[in-house]
Amino acid sequence: MTLSLRPLLDGWRANLRATLKWAALILPMAAIIGSLCALFLWLLDDVTTTRFAHPWLLYLLPLAGITTGLLYHWFGRSAEGGNNLIVDQIHEPGGGVPLRMAPLVLVSTVISHLFGASVGREGTAVQIGGSIAGGFVRLFRLDDQAVRIILMAGIAAGFGAVFGTPIAGAIFGLEVLTVGRIEYTALVPVAASSIIADWTCHRWGVHHVPYHLGVAGVPDRAGDVFHANPLLLGKVGLAAVAFGLASLAFAEGVHRLAPVFRRLCPVAWLRPAIGGVLTIALVWLVGSRDYLGLGVVPAEVGGAAIVSFFGPGDFTWSWLWKLVFTVTALATGYKGGEVTPLFFIGAGLGHTLAGVLGAPVDLMAAIGFVAVFAGAANTPLACTMMGVELFGAADTVYIAVGCFVAYLCSGHSGIYLSQRIGVPKIRHPLIAGGMALRHARTLPRHPPTP
C-alpha cells in the first residue's frame, strides 16, 4: 500500500511546489498591473472630462503629438515595438520587454486622449502588463518556457483589468499569439493573473460602463423562450460578414497608410503632428467632435458614442468616420491602442445594419461591438466570452456567430502582425504553419499556378 501511494504523493508535492512558485510570481505581478490599470483608467476619465470642458485643447494636438514622439525618440528604443514586441518575445524569447515601456505608453496615451487623438486603451494596458511581466522575468531570471508563460499572464492581466472582463482577458492572453490555435499549458497562471488584476483594479474603486440588452431569447410557437431564432440568426450572419470586412478595412488601413506617412515625413517624432493637423481638419469637415478620444460616452447629449448605439438615433455613417479618424491617428504614431475604437466602429455599424435588416438595435450593436474586434485581433473565442461578460449569457449564440463569421471574413490580416499562423482561415499553398501574419498578409490571394 505504501509503495502504491508514493508516486501519487510525489506528484502532489511536485504540483504543490509548482503552484507555490507560480503564485509567488503571479500574485504580486497581477496586483501591480491591476493597480497601474486602475491609475490609467482614472487618468483617462479625468483627461476626457477636461477635454469635454475645454474644446480648444484639440488645437494643441499636433504639439502633443510631437511631445509623445520625442518621448519615444529619446527614451523609447525597443519599446516602440509595442504589442508586437511582446508577442514576438513570447514566440522567440530574446531581448526581452523593457520596463520603461509601461510609463512611456501610459504617459503618451494620456497625453493623446487629453488633446483628442482617436485612439484606444487596450494597447496601453497590454503593454503595461507585458512590461511589468518583463521586469519579473529579469528579476527572477526565468527560463524561456517560464518567460513565455509570464508574458502571456501579463497580457491577460492588462486586458482583463482595463475592460473588466477577466475570463475574456485570460482567453485573449492565450489566443492572441497564434491564429487558429490556443496553447493551454499556461491556462491556470494566465487565468489567475487576469482575475487578480481585474479584482485589484476594482478594489481601487474603478468601475466600467454597464451595458444592458433588452433581447433575451425569442418565444417559439409553444410560447417557450428559446435562445436562438433562425431568421434573426441569419440576419446576424449577414451582418457578421460586414463586421469582418470592417475589421479588414481597419487593419489594412493602418498598415498601408503608415508607410505613406513614413515616406512623407522620415522624422518619426515629427510624424504625429501631421496626424494632429489632419484630425483637426477632419473635425471641421465632419462638423463634430464625436470621433475624438475613446468615444465611449458622447461629449454632448445625443452625440455619437458607443453607449448611444444601443438606443434610437441616426448614426448611419458614424462607424466609418470613427474608422477614418482612428486610422489617421494610429498611422501617424499616436499611442493608445485600437480596441475601443473598434468597439465604436462595430457598435455603430451594428446600429446601422439593424435598421437595414430589421433586427433589434441593441443586439446588433452588442454583436458588432465584439465581432469587429474579433476579426481585427483574430481572437473569436476571447471576444465571444467578452460579449458574455459584458452583455450577459442570454444572447451567446448570436454573439458567437457574429464573432466566428467576422473572424473568418477578416482574412489573414489583423492589428497584431506578430501573430503566427496556426490554422489558416483559407487554404493557400504559400501559407505555412508558424508564418507571421506580417508575411501572410502580403501573399497574393490567388498565387500563380506553375
Foldseek 3Di string as FASTA:
>chain_A
DVVVCVVVVVVVVVVVVVVVVLCVVQQVLLLVLLVLLLVLVVLLVVLLVVCLVPVVLLVCQLVLLLVLLVCCVVPNVVLLCQPLVLLLCLVPNDPFQALVNLVSQSVLQSSQQNNFAQFAALSNLLSNLRSSLRVSCVVVVDDSVVSNLSSLLSSLSSNCQNAVQLVLSLLCSQDLFAQPDGDCPNNVSSSVSNVSSNVSSVVVVDDHDAAEAPDQADQDPVRDGDLDDVLQLVLLLVLLLVLLVLLLCLQVLLVVLLVVLCVVPVSLSSLLSVLSVVLVVLCVVVVDSCLTHLQQDGSDPQGQGLNNQLDDDDLQCVLVSNSVSNSSNVSSPRHHHHQSNQLSNQLSSLSNSCVVSVHRRNVSSLLRSLQSQCQQSSRLVSSLSVSCVRYNDSNSVSSSSSNVSSNLSNALTHNRQQHFYQDHSDDDPVHDGRHTSVVVVPDDPDDDDD
